[in-house]
Amino acid sequence: MSANGLTIEKPWQRWLIRLGVFVAMLILTVPGLWVVLTAFRPNIEVLARPAIWIPQNWTLDNFQRLFGLSTAQQGLPVAQYFVNSLVISLTSTFVAIIVGMAGGYAFARYRFRGKATLFLAFMLSRTVPGVALSLPLFIIWARLGIIDTSLGLILVYMAINIPFTIWLTDGFFRQIPVDLSEAAQIDGCTPWQAFWKIEFPLARSGLASAAIFAFLTSWNEYALASQLTRTTASKTMPVGLMDFTAQFTVDWTGMSAMAVLIIIPALVLTFIVQKHLIAGLTFGGVK
């Protein structure tokens, strides 16, 4: 015990916590590591018993087969799947960030009738599993004629991401002192200029977080995409994984290679915006 009554953490306790976190993270990363290793091994090693963790025969044949560079199997339209996923994810994320930023700012800064009820309604929409909406969405989208189109998926992902983006950005804007905007307006800025020059830079880390969550939700989503897409023109990367399944067999190595291609853009995006994720939100405004 310290003089002020607070418990002092001992060195061995700190190292024990770190060890526990390390073990937990190691367990969580094992499935992903297995997928990556399987992408570089021949299919015969996947079926070996006991399991072979480290590939004994490293190969790039699984990736070559994806792009039709191997004579053993016709290539899949991976490039088209990638373009579809990228267009759908980026478009839905961009719209969700714009609408979510406006909505979050409105909830954080203004008072209006029904504000609490509307905010609760947005949050309750997140409690409904997306797969539970697959049947009504399929019926409605079929009547609208947007089944098997990129527009259909973009609208779905916008509806999924906007409520969460509003909630997240609302929390970040509430942490920014309103006095900063008022001081800028006193100095001659318009409300619009005060937002873009003062509040928006301070909320950039929050918007980066919201963008990552929205992009990953759209990029990795499978259940709804598998119901609303049919052809190569609209299929996304996760749906393309089912091309490796047959009636009695599964091409695990090809599926793993495809999964690695799905993982790479998400990792690249995370590394690009990581400095915004760890930056202090209002540090620049109060120092």
C-alpha atoms as a PDB file:
ATOM      1  CA  MET A   1       0.000   0.000   0.000  1.00  0.00           C
ATOM      2  CA  SER A   2       1.189   3.523  -0.759  1.00  0.00           C
ATOM      3  CA  ALA A   3       0.803   6.541   1.459  1.00  0.00           C
ATOM      4  CA  ASN A   4      -2.383   7.720  -0.272  1.00  0.00           C
ATOM      5  CA  GLY A   5      -4.038   4.316   0.047  1.00  0.00           C
ATOM      6  CA  LEU A   6      -3.564   3.180  -3.562  1.00  0.00           C
ATOM      7  CA  THR A   7      -2.175  -0.267  -4.319  1.00  0.00           C
ATOM      8  CA  ILE A   8       1.215  -0.228  -6.033  1.00  0.00           C
ATOM      9  CA  GLU A   9       1.597  -2.753  -8.828  1.00  0.00           C
ATOM     10  CA  LYS A  10       4.596  -4.984  -8.228  1.00  0.00           C
ATOM     11  CA  PRO A  11       6.996  -5.839 -11.077  1.00  0.00           C
ATOM     12  CA  TRP A  12       6.081  -9.536 -11.063  1.00  0.00           C
ATOM     13  CA  GLN A  13       2.394  -8.645 -11.353  1.00  0.00           C
ATOM     14  CA  ARG A  14       3.106  -6.419 -14.355  1.00  0.00           C
ATOM     15  CA  TRP A  15       5.055  -9.183 -16.086  1.00  0.00           C
ATOM     16  CA  LEU A  16       2.327 -11.716 -15.256  1.00  0.00           C
ATOM     17  CA  ILE A  17      -0.262  -9.490 -16.926  1.00  0.00           C
ATOM     18  CA  ARG A  18       1.953  -9.073 -19.980  1.00  0.00           C
ATOM     19  CA  LEU A  19       2.452 -12.828 -20.190  1.00  0.00           C
ATOM     20  CA  GLY A  20      -1.295 -13.415 -19.979  1.00  0.00           C
ATOM     21  CA  VAL A  21      -1.957 -10.884 -22.738  1.00  0.00           C
ATOM     22  CA  PHE A  22       0.773 -12.435 -24.883  1.00  0.00           C
ATOM     23  CA  VAL A  23      -0.662 -15.949 -24.472  1.00  0.00           C
ATOM     24  CA  ALA A  24      -4.183 -14.715 -25.230  1.00  0.00           C
ATOM     25  CA  MET A  25      -3.031 -12.891 -28.380  1.00  0.00           C
ATOM     26  CA  LEU A  26      -1.031 -15.950 -29.445  1.00  0.00           C
ATOM     27  CA  ILE A  27      -4.135 -18.133 -29.181  1.00  0.00           C
ATOM     28  CA  LEU A  28      -6.170 -15.611 -31.178  1.00  0.00           C
ATOM     29  CA  THR A  29      -3.599 -15.440 -33.982  1.00  0.00           C
ATOM     30  CA  VAL A  30      -3.174 -19.222 -34.386  1.00  0.00           C
ATOM     31  CA  PRO A  31      -6.111 -19.648 -36.854  1.00  0.00           C
ATOM     32  CA  GLY A  32      -4.863 -16.773 -39.007  1.00  0.00           C
ATOM     33  CA  LEU A  33      -1.323 -18.114 -38.934  1.00  0.00           C
ATOM     34  CA  TRP A  34      -2.583 -21.549 -39.965  1.00  0.00           C
ATOM     35  CA  VAL A  35      -4.419 -20.039 -42.959  1.00  0.00           C
ATOM     36  CA  VAL A  36      -1.302 -18.150 -44.087  1.00  0.00           C
ATOM     37  CA  LEU A  37       0.898 -21.256 -43.775  1.00  0.00           C
ATOM     38  CA  THR A  38      -1.669 -23.398 -45.585  1.00  0.00           C
ATOM     39  CA  ALA A  39      -1.564 -20.985 -48.528  1.00  0.00           C
ATOM     40  CA  PHE A  40       2.092 -21.932 -49.078  1.00  0.00           C
ATOM     41  CA  ARG A  41       1.815 -25.711 -48.675  1.00  0.00           C
ATOM     42  CA  PRO A  42       0.693 -28.503 -51.038  1.00  0.00           C
ATOM     43  CA  ASN A  43      -2.781 -29.897 -50.476  1.00  0.00           C
ATOM     44  CA  ILE A  44      -1.438 -33.271 -49.361  1.00  0.00           C
ATOM     45  CA  GLU A  45       0.078 -31.695 -46.250  1.00  0.00           C
ATOM     46  CA  VAL A  46      -3.293 -30.248 -45.235  1.00  0.00           C
ATOM     47  CA  LEU A  47      -4.761 -33.745 -44.999  1.00  0.00           C
ATOM     48  CA  ALA A  48      -1.747 -35.246 -43.223  1.00  0.00           C
ATOM     49  CA  ARG A  49      -2.177 -36.824 -39.802  1.00  0.00           C
ATOM     50  CA  PRO A  50      -0.720 -35.778 -37.438  1.00  0.00           C
ATOM     51  CA  ALA A  51      -1.005 -32.182 -38.575  1.00  0.00           C
ATOM     52  CA  ILE A  52       2.036 -30.551 -40.171  1.00  0.00           C
ATOM     53  CA  TRP A  53       2.324 -27.018 -38.819  1.00  0.00           C
ATOM     54  CA  ILE A  54       5.322 -25.740 -40.744  1.00  0.00           C
ATOM     55  CA  PRO A  55       5.132 -26.551 -44.476  1.00  0.00           C
ATOM     56  CA  GLN A  56       7.754 -29.057 -45.487  1.00  0.00           C
ATOM     57  CA  ASN A  57       7.466 -28.131 -49.160  1.00  0.00           C
ATOM     58  CA  TRP A  58       6.921 -24.390 -49.597  1.00  0.00           C
ATOM     59  CA  THR A  59       5.157 -23.548 -52.845  1.00  0.00           C
ATOM     60  CA  LEU A  60       3.548 -20.647 -54.690  1.00  0.00           C
ATOM     61  CA  ASP A  61       1.466 -22.975 -56.837  1.00  0.00           C
ATOM     62  CA  ASN A  62      -1.707 -22.134 -54.912  1.00  0.00           C
ATOM     63  CA  PHE A  63      -1.414 -18.471 -55.877  1.00  0.00           C
ATOM     64  CA  GLN A  64      -0.459 -19.355 -59.447  1.00  0.00           C
ATOM     65  CA  ARG A  65      -3.619 -21.441 -59.779  1.00  0.00           C
ATOM     66  CA  LEU A  66      -5.702 -18.490 -58.606  1.00  0.00           C
ATOM     67  CA  PHE A  67      -4.559 -16.351 -61.513  1.00  0.00           C
ATOM     68  CA  GLY A  68      -4.463 -19.134 -64.097  1.00  0.00           C
ATOM     69  CA  LEU A  69      -0.655 -19.272 -64.204  1.00  0.00           C
ATOM     70  CA  SER A  70      -0.629 -23.014 -63.557  1.00  0.00           C
ATOM     71  CA  THR A  71      -1.579 -25.723 -66.048  1.00  0.00           C
ATOM     72  CA  ALA A  72      -3.137 -27.826 -63.280  1.00  0.00           C
ATOM     73  CA  GLN A  73      -6.307 -25.742 -62.989  1.00  0.00           C
ATOM     74  CA  GLN A  74      -8.117 -22.954 -64.773  1.00  0.00           C
ATOM     75  CA  GLY A  75      -7.756 -19.630 -63.014  1.00  0.00           C
ATOM     76  CA  LEU A  76     -10.554 -17.915 -61.145  1.00  0.00           C
ATOM     77  CA  PRO A  77     -11.739 -14.327 -61.809  1.00  0.00           C
ATOM     78  CA  VAL A  78      -9.859 -13.114 -58.730  1.00  0.00           C
ATOM     79  CA  ALA A  79      -9.123  -9.712 -60.267  1.00  0.00           C
ATOM     80  CA  GLN A  80     -12.824  -9.114 -60.883  1.00  0.00           C
ATOM     81  CA  TYR A  81     -13.703 -10.231 -57.351  1.00  0.00           C
ATOM     82  CA  PHE A  82     -11.047  -7.872 -55.983  1.00  0.00           C
ATOM     83  CA  VAL A  83     -12.322  -4.919 -58.017  1.00  0.00           C
ATOM     84  CA  ASN A  84     -15.903  -5.642 -56.934  1.00  0.00           C
ATOM     85  CA  SER A  85     -14.912  -5.796 -53.258  1.00  0.00           C
ATOM     86  CA  LEU A  86     -12.801  -2.663 -53.500  1.00  0.00           C
ATOM     87  CA  VAL A  87     -15.468  -0.585 -55.257  1.00  0.00           C
ATOM     88  CA  ILE A  88     -18.248  -1.755 -52.943  1.00  0.00           C
ATOM     89  CA  SER A  89     -16.214  -1.350 -49.744  1.00  0.00           C
ATOM     90  CA  LEU A  90     -14.706   2.044 -50.592  1.00  0.00           C
ATOM     91  CA  THR A  91     -17.982   3.506 -51.841  1.00  0.00           C
ATOM     92  CA  SER A  92     -20.042   2.320 -48.876  1.00  0.00           C
ATOM     93  CA  THR A  93     -17.321   3.435 -46.451  1.00  0.00           C
ATOM     94  CA  PHE A  94     -17.030   6.889 -48.033  1.00  0.00           C
ATOM     95  CA  VAL A  95     -20.785   7.493 -47.896  1.00  0.00           C
ATOM     96  CA  ALA A  96     -21.011   6.095 -44.369  1.00  0.00           C
ATOM     97  CA  ILE A  97     -18.220   8.414 -43.173  1.00  0.00           C
ATOM     98  CA  ILE A  98     -19.768  11.506 -44.787  1.00  0.00           C
ATOM     99  CA  VAL A  99     -23.267  10.790 -43.469  1.00  0.00           C
ATOM    100  CA  GLY A 100     -21.973   9.496 -40.146  1.00  0.00           C
ATOM    101  CA  MET A 101     -19.765  12.545 -39.613  1.00  0.00           C
ATOM    102  CA  ALA A 102     -22.676  14.881 -40.293  1.00  0.00           C
ATOM    103  CA  GLY A 103     -25.018  12.871 -38.095  1.00  0.00           C
ATOM    104  CA  GLY A 104     -22.499  12.472 -35.283  1.00  0.00           C
ATOM    105  CA  TYR A 105     -21.757  16.200 -35.311  1.00  0.00           C
ATOM    106  CA  ALA A 106     -25.460  17.023 -35.231  1.00  0.00           C
ATOM    107  CA  PHE A 107     -26.089  14.723 -32.266  1.00  0.00           C
ATOM    108  CA  ALA A 108     -23.037  16.049 -30.423  1.00  0.00           C
ATOM    109  CA  ARG A 109     -23.575  19.782 -30.997  1.00  0.00           C
ATOM    110  CA  TYR A 110     -27.297  20.486 -31.477  1.00  0.00           C
ATOM    111  CA  ARG A 111     -30.501  19.981 -29.535  1.00  0.00           C
ATOM    112  CA  PHE A 112     -33.654  19.032 -31.395  1.00  0.00           C
ATOM    113  CA  ARG A 113     -36.925  17.279 -30.702  1.00  0.00           C
ATOM    114  CA  GLY A 114     -36.738  13.491 -30.636  1.00  0.00           C
ATOM    115  CA  LYS A 115     -32.939  13.498 -30.456  1.00  0.00           C
ATOM    116  CA  ALA A 116     -32.682  10.748 -27.807  1.00  0.00           C
ATOM    117  CA  THR A 117     -35.326   8.591 -29.500  1.00  0.00           C
ATOM    118  CA  LEU A 118     -33.702   8.898 -32.896  1.00  0.00           C
ATOM    119  CA  PHE A 119     -30.274   8.091 -31.500  1.00  0.00           C
ATOM    120  CA  LEU A 120     -31.697   5.033 -29.708  1.00  0.00           C
ATOM    121  CA  ALA A 121     -33.344   3.898 -32.932  1.00  0.00           C
ATOM    122  CA  PHE A 122     -29.989   4.075 -34.730  1.00  0.00           C
ATOM    123  CA  MET A 123     -28.365   1.994 -32.011  1.00  0.00           C
ATOM    124  CA  LEU A 124     -31.172  -0.580 -31.950  1.00  0.00           C
ATOM    125  CA  SER A 125     -30.679  -1.126 -35.672  1.00  0.00           C
ATOM    126  CA  ARG A 126     -27.255  -2.547 -34.820  1.00  0.00           C
ATOM    127  CA  THR A 127     -28.808  -5.258 -32.648  1.00  0.00           C
ATOM    128  CA  VAL A 128     -30.451  -6.969 -35.622  1.00  0.00           C
ATOM    129  CA  PRO A 129     -28.152  -9.633 -37.164  1.00  0.00           C
ATOM    130  CA  GLY A 130     -27.530  -8.993 -40.819  1.00  0.00           C
ATOM    131  CA  VAL A 131     -28.295 -12.598 -41.746  1.00  0.00           C
ATOM    132  CA  ALA A 132     -31.795 -12.196 -40.273  1.00  0.00           C
ATOM    133  CA  LEU A 133     -32.453  -9.534 -42.911  1.00  0.00           C
ATOM    134  CA  SER A 134     -31.279 -11.639 -45.839  1.00  0.00           C
ATOM    135  CA  LEU A 135     -34.731 -12.907 -46.855  1.00  0.00           C
ATOM    136  CA  PRO A 136     -36.619  -9.565 -46.721  1.00  0.00           C
ATOM    137  CA  LEU A 137     -33.677  -7.828 -48.373  1.00  0.00           C
ATOM    138  CA  PHE A 138     -33.632 -10.412 -51.144  1.00  0.00           C
ATOM    139  CA  ILE A 139     -37.368  -9.952 -51.801  1.00  0.00           C
ATOM    140  CA  ILE A 140     -37.181  -6.145 -51.771  1.00  0.00           C
ATOM    141  CA  TRP A 141     -33.996  -6.002 -53.849  1.00  0.00           C
ATOM    142  CA  ALA A 142     -35.483  -8.445 -56.375  1.00  0.00           C
ATOM    143  CA  ARG A 143     -38.540  -6.218 -56.842  1.00  0.00           C
ATOM    144  CA  LEU A 144     -36.271  -3.192 -57.245  1.00  0.00           C
ATOM    145  CA  GLY A 145     -34.142  -5.038 -59.781  1.00  0.00           C
ATOM    146  CA  ILE A 146     -30.841  -4.598 -57.932  1.00  0.00           C
ATOM    147  CA  ILE A 147     -30.124  -8.241 -57.113  1.00  0.00           C
ATOM    148  CA  ASP A 148     -26.659  -9.243 -58.359  1.00  0.00           C
ATOM    149  CA  THR A 149     -25.483  -5.630 -58.620  1.00  0.00           C
ATOM    150  CA  SER A 150     -22.812  -3.652 -56.803  1.00  0.00           C
ATOM    151  CA  LEU A 151     -25.402  -0.968 -55.998  1.00  0.00           C
ATOM    152  CA  GLY A 152     -27.460  -3.468 -54.042  1.00  0.00           C
ATOM    153  CA  LEU A 153     -24.527  -4.390 -51.783  1.00  0.00           C
ATOM    154  CA  ILE A 154     -23.435  -0.768 -51.396  1.00  0.00           C
ATOM    155  CA  LEU A 155     -26.891   0.193 -50.100  1.00  0.00           C
ATOM    156  CA  VAL A 156     -26.876  -2.719 -47.650  1.00  0.00           C
ATOM    157  CA  TYR A 157     -23.432  -1.902 -46.267  1.00  0.00           C
ATOM    158  CA  MET A 158     -24.321   1.778 -46.006  1.00  0.00           C
ATOM    159  CA  ALA A 159     -27.341   0.866 -43.883  1.00  0.00           C
ATOM    160  CA  ILE A 160     -25.158  -1.337 -41.687  1.00  0.00           C
ATOM    161  CA  ASN A 161     -22.279   1.119 -41.248  1.00  0.00           C
ATOM    162  CA  ILE A 162     -24.010   4.490 -40.916  1.00  0.00           C
ATOM    163  CA  PRO A 163     -25.566   3.906 -37.436  1.00  0.00           C
ATOM    164  CA  PHE A 164     -22.266   2.685 -36.014  1.00  0.00           C
ATOM    165  CA  THR A 165     -20.366   5.555 -37.633  1.00  0.00           C
ATOM    166  CA  ILE A 166     -22.806   8.096 -36.187  1.00  0.00           C
ATOM    167  CA  TRP A 167     -22.409   6.590 -32.716  1.00  0.00           C
ATOM    168  CA  LEU A 168     -18.615   6.539 -32.925  1.00  0.00           C
ATOM    169  CA  THR A 169     -18.162  10.040 -34.345  1.00  0.00           C
ATOM    170  CA  ASP A 170     -20.711  11.437 -31.891  1.00  0.00           C
ATOM    171  CA  GLY A 171     -18.483  10.281 -29.043  1.00  0.00           C
ATOM    172  CA  PHE A 172     -15.396  11.886 -30.563  1.00  0.00           C
ATOM    173  CA  PHE A 173     -17.080  15.221 -31.296  1.00  0.00           C
ATOM    174  CA  ARG A 174     -18.390  15.340 -27.711  1.00  0.00           C
ATOM    175  CA  GLN A 175     -14.795  15.166 -26.466  1.00  0.00           C
ATOM    176  CA  ILE A 176     -13.807  18.258 -28.477  1.00  0.00           C
ATOM    177  CA  PRO A 177     -14.433  21.405 -26.412  1.00  0.00           C
ATOM    178  CA  VAL A 178     -17.062  23.537 -28.101  1.00  0.00           C
ATOM    179  CA  ASP A 179     -15.093  26.573 -26.892  1.00  0.00           C
ATOM    180  CA  LEU A 180     -12.527  25.939 -29.637  1.00  0.00           C
ATOM    181  CA  SER A 181     -15.134  26.419 -32.362  1.00  0.00           C
ATOM    182  CA  GLU A 182     -16.633  29.427 -30.644  1.00  0.00           C
ATOM    183  CA  ALA A 183     -13.215  31.047 -30.269  1.00  0.00           C
ATOM    184  CA  ALA A 184     -12.524  30.513 -33.973  1.00  0.00           C
ATOM    185  CA  GLN A 185     -15.838  32.104 -34.895  1.00  0.00           C
ATOM    186  CA  ILE A 186     -15.061  35.085 -32.659  1.00  0.00           C
ATOM    187  CA  ASP A 187     -11.792  35.470 -34.582  1.00  0.00           C
ATOM    188  CA  GLY A 188     -13.705  35.721 -37.835  1.00  0.00           C
ATOM    189  CA  CYS A 189     -14.285  32.139 -38.997  1.00  0.00           C
ATOM    190  CA  THR A 190     -17.689  31.053 -40.228  1.00  0.00           C
ATOM    191  CA  PRO A 191     -19.198  27.952 -38.571  1.00  0.00           C
ATOM    192  CA  TRP A 192     -18.223  25.953 -41.676  1.00  0.00           C
ATOM    193  CA  GLN A 193     -14.624  27.185 -41.532  1.00  0.00           C
ATOM    194  CA  ALA A 194     -14.444  26.553 -37.785  1.00  0.00           C
ATOM    195  CA  PHE A 195     -15.528  22.979 -38.369  1.00  0.00           C
ATOM    196  CA  TRP A 196     -13.032  22.188 -41.135  1.00  0.00           C
ATOM    197  CA  LYS A 197     -10.083  24.090 -39.649  1.00  0.00           C
ATOM    198  CA  ILE A 198     -10.550  23.329 -35.932  1.00  0.00           C
ATOM    199  CA  GLU A 199     -12.922  20.465 -35.167  1.00  0.00           C
ATOM    200  CA  PHE A 200     -12.359  18.201 -38.151  1.00  0.00           C
ATOM    201  CA  PRO A 201      -8.559  17.893 -37.630  1.00  0.00           C
ATOM    202  CA  LEU A 202      -9.111  17.038 -33.974  1.00  0.00           C
ATOM    203  CA  ALA A 203     -11.702  14.399 -34.860  1.00  0.00           C
ATOM    204  CA  ARG A 204      -9.529  12.864 -37.578  1.00  0.00           C
ATOM    205  CA  SER A 205      -8.461   9.951 -35.388  1.00  0.00           C
ATOM    206  CA  GLY A 206     -12.082   9.126 -34.638  1.00  0.00           C
ATOM    207  CA  LEU A 207     -13.024   9.287 -38.295  1.00  0.00           C
ATOM    208  CA  ALA A 208     -10.083   7.024 -39.150  1.00  0.00           C
ATOM    209  CA  SER A 209     -11.341   4.481 -36.617  1.00  0.00           C
ATOM    210  CA  ALA A 210     -14.859   4.672 -38.027  1.00  0.00           C
ATOM    211  CA  ALA A 211     -13.507   4.292 -41.577  1.00  0.00           C
ATOM    212  CA  ILE A 212     -11.535   1.193 -40.673  1.00  0.00           C
ATOM    213  CA  PHE A 213     -14.511  -0.478 -39.004  1.00  0.00           C
ATOM    214  CA  ALA A 214     -16.807   0.417 -41.905  1.00  0.00           C
ATOM    215  CA  PHE A 215     -14.325  -0.771 -44.527  1.00  0.00           C
ATOM    216  CA  LEU A 216     -13.591  -4.059 -42.758  1.00  0.00           C
ATOM    217  CA  THR A 217     -17.302  -4.713 -42.245  1.00  0.00           C
ATOM    218  CA  SER A 218     -17.930  -4.295 -45.965  1.00  0.00           C
ATOM    219  CA  TRP A 219     -14.749  -6.049 -47.065  1.00  0.00           C
ATOM    220  CA  ASN A 220     -15.200  -9.172 -44.912  1.00  0.00           C
ATOM    221  CA  GLU A 221     -19.000  -9.557 -44.991  1.00  0.00           C
ATOM    222  CA  TYR A 222     -20.147 -12.852 -46.461  1.00  0.00           C
ATOM    223  CA  ALA A 223     -23.691 -13.794 -45.386  1.00  0.00           C
ATOM    224  CA  LEU A 224     -25.572 -11.008 -47.163  1.00  0.00           C
ATOM    225  CA  ALA A 225     -23.192 -10.864 -50.118  1.00  0.00           C
ATOM    226  CA  SER A 226     -23.685 -14.570 -50.789  1.00  0.00           C
ATOM    227  CA  GLN A 227     -27.472 -14.054 -50.934  1.00  0.00           C
ATOM    228  CA  LEU A 228     -27.504 -10.901 -53.039  1.00  0.00           C
ATOM    229  CA  THR A 229     -24.866 -11.797 -55.654  1.00  0.00           C
ATOM    230  CA  ARG A 230     -24.961 -14.438 -58.360  1.00  0.00           C
ATOM    231  CA  THR A 231     -22.402 -13.747 -61.073  1.00  0.00           C
ATOM    232  CA  THR A 232     -18.785 -12.723 -61.413  1.00  0.00           C
ATOM    233  CA  ALA A 233     -19.862  -9.152 -62.173  1.00  0.00           C
ATOM    234  CA  SER A 234     -20.943  -8.583 -58.545  1.00  0.00           C
ATOM    235  CA  LYS A 235     -19.368 -11.295 -56.399  1.00  0.00           C
ATOM    236  CA  THR A 236     -16.960 -10.124 -53.703  1.00  0.00           C
ATOM    237  CA  MET A 237     -13.796 -11.793 -52.457  1.00  0.00           C
ATOM    238  CA  PRO A 238     -15.412 -13.614 -49.482  1.00  0.00           C
ATOM    239  CA  VAL A 239     -18.123 -15.009 -51.745  1.00  0.00           C
ATOM    240  CA  GLY A 240     -15.437 -16.087 -54.202  1.00  0.00           C
ATOM    241  CA  LEU A 241     -14.076 -18.454 -51.536  1.00  0.00           C
ATOM    242  CA  MET A 242     -16.995 -20.785 -52.282  1.00  0.00           C
ATOM    243  CA  ASP A 243     -15.545 -21.393 -55.747  1.00  0.00           C
ATOM    244  CA  PHE A 244     -13.112 -23.757 -54.061  1.00  0.00           C
ATOM    245  CA  THR A 245     -15.834 -26.071 -52.758  1.00  0.00           C
ATOM    246  CA  ALA A 246     -17.214 -28.992 -54.732  1.00  0.00           C
ATOM    247  CA  GLN A 247     -19.797 -31.635 -53.896  1.00  0.00           C
ATOM    248  CA  PHE A 248     -17.387 -33.951 -52.129  1.00  0.00           C
ATOM    249  CA  THR A 249     -14.112 -32.028 -51.852  1.00  0.00           C
ATOM    250  CA  VAL A 250     -12.737 -28.700 -50.700  1.00  0.00           C
ATOM    251  CA  ASP A 251      -9.581 -27.112 -52.092  1.00  0.00           C
ATOM    252  CA  TRP A 252      -8.223 -25.919 -48.741  1.00  0.00           C
ATOM    253  CA  THR A 253      -4.944 -24.600 -50.112  1.00  0.00           C
ATOM    254  CA  GLY A 254      -6.628 -22.552 -52.835  1.00  0.00           C
ATOM    255  CA  MET A 255      -9.140 -21.205 -50.339  1.00  0.00           C
ATOM    256  CA  SER A 256      -6.311 -20.253 -47.981  1.00  0.00           C
ATOM    257  CA  ALA A 257      -4.454 -18.465 -50.774  1.00  0.00           C
ATOM    258  CA  MET A 258      -7.620 -16.516 -51.545  1.00  0.00           C
ATOM    259  CA  ALA A 259      -8.015 -15.711 -47.836  1.00  0.00           C
ATOM    260  CA  VAL A 260      -4.481 -14.289 -47.750  1.00  0.00           C
ATOM    261  CA  LEU A 261      -5.396 -11.970 -50.632  1.00  0.00           C
ATOM    262  CA  ILE A 262      -8.435 -10.855 -48.631  1.00  0.00           C
ATOM    263  CA  ILE A 263      -6.336 -10.178 -45.525  1.00  0.00           C
ATOM    264  CA  ILE A 264      -3.624  -8.089 -47.228  1.00  0.00           C
ATOM    265  CA  PRO A 265      -5.709  -4.945 -48.074  1.00  0.00           C
ATOM    266  CA  ALA A 266      -7.123  -4.852 -44.539  1.00  0.00           C
ATOM    267  CA  LEU A 267      -3.623  -4.987 -43.060  1.00  0.00           C
ATOM    268  CA  VAL A 268      -2.328  -2.329 -45.453  1.00  0.00           C
ATOM    269  CA  LEU A 269      -5.195   0.022 -44.566  1.00  0.00           C
ATOM    270  CA  THR A 270      -4.629  -0.506 -40.851  1.00  0.00           C
ATOM    271  CA  PHE A 271      -0.922   0.301 -41.127  1.00  0.00           C
ATOM    272  CA  ILE A 272      -1.637   3.420 -43.190  1.00  0.00           C
ATOM    273  CA  VAL A 273      -4.016   4.957 -40.653  1.00  0.00           C
ATOM    274  CA  GLN A 274      -2.476   3.574 -37.475  1.00  0.00           C
ATOM    275  CA  LYS A 275      -0.953   6.928 -36.527  1.00  0.00           C
ATOM    276  CA  HIS A 276      -4.429   8.453 -36.499  1.00  0.00           C
ATOM    277  CA  LEU A 277      -5.731   5.626 -34.329  1.00  0.00           C
ATOM    278  CA  ILE A 278      -3.175   6.188 -31.588  1.00  0.00           C
ATOM    279  CA  ALA A 279      -3.039   9.990 -31.797  1.00  0.00           C
ATOM    280  CA  GLY A 280      -4.479  11.972 -28.919  1.00  0.00           C
ATOM    281  CA  LEU A 281      -7.854  13.405 -29.884  1.00  0.00           C
ATOM    282  CA  THR A 282      -7.685  16.889 -28.348  1.00  0.00           C
ATOM    283  CA  PHE A 283      -3.955  17.097 -27.642  1.00  0.00           C
ATOM    284  CA  GLY A 284      -3.356  19.667 -30.376  1.00  0.00           C
ATOM    285  CA  GLY A 285      -6.175  21.883 -29.155  1.00  0.00           C
ATOM    286  CA  VAL A 286      -5.315  22.068 -25.473  1.00  0.00           C
ATOM    287  CA  LYS A 287      -1.525  22.024 -25.380  1.00  0.00           C
END
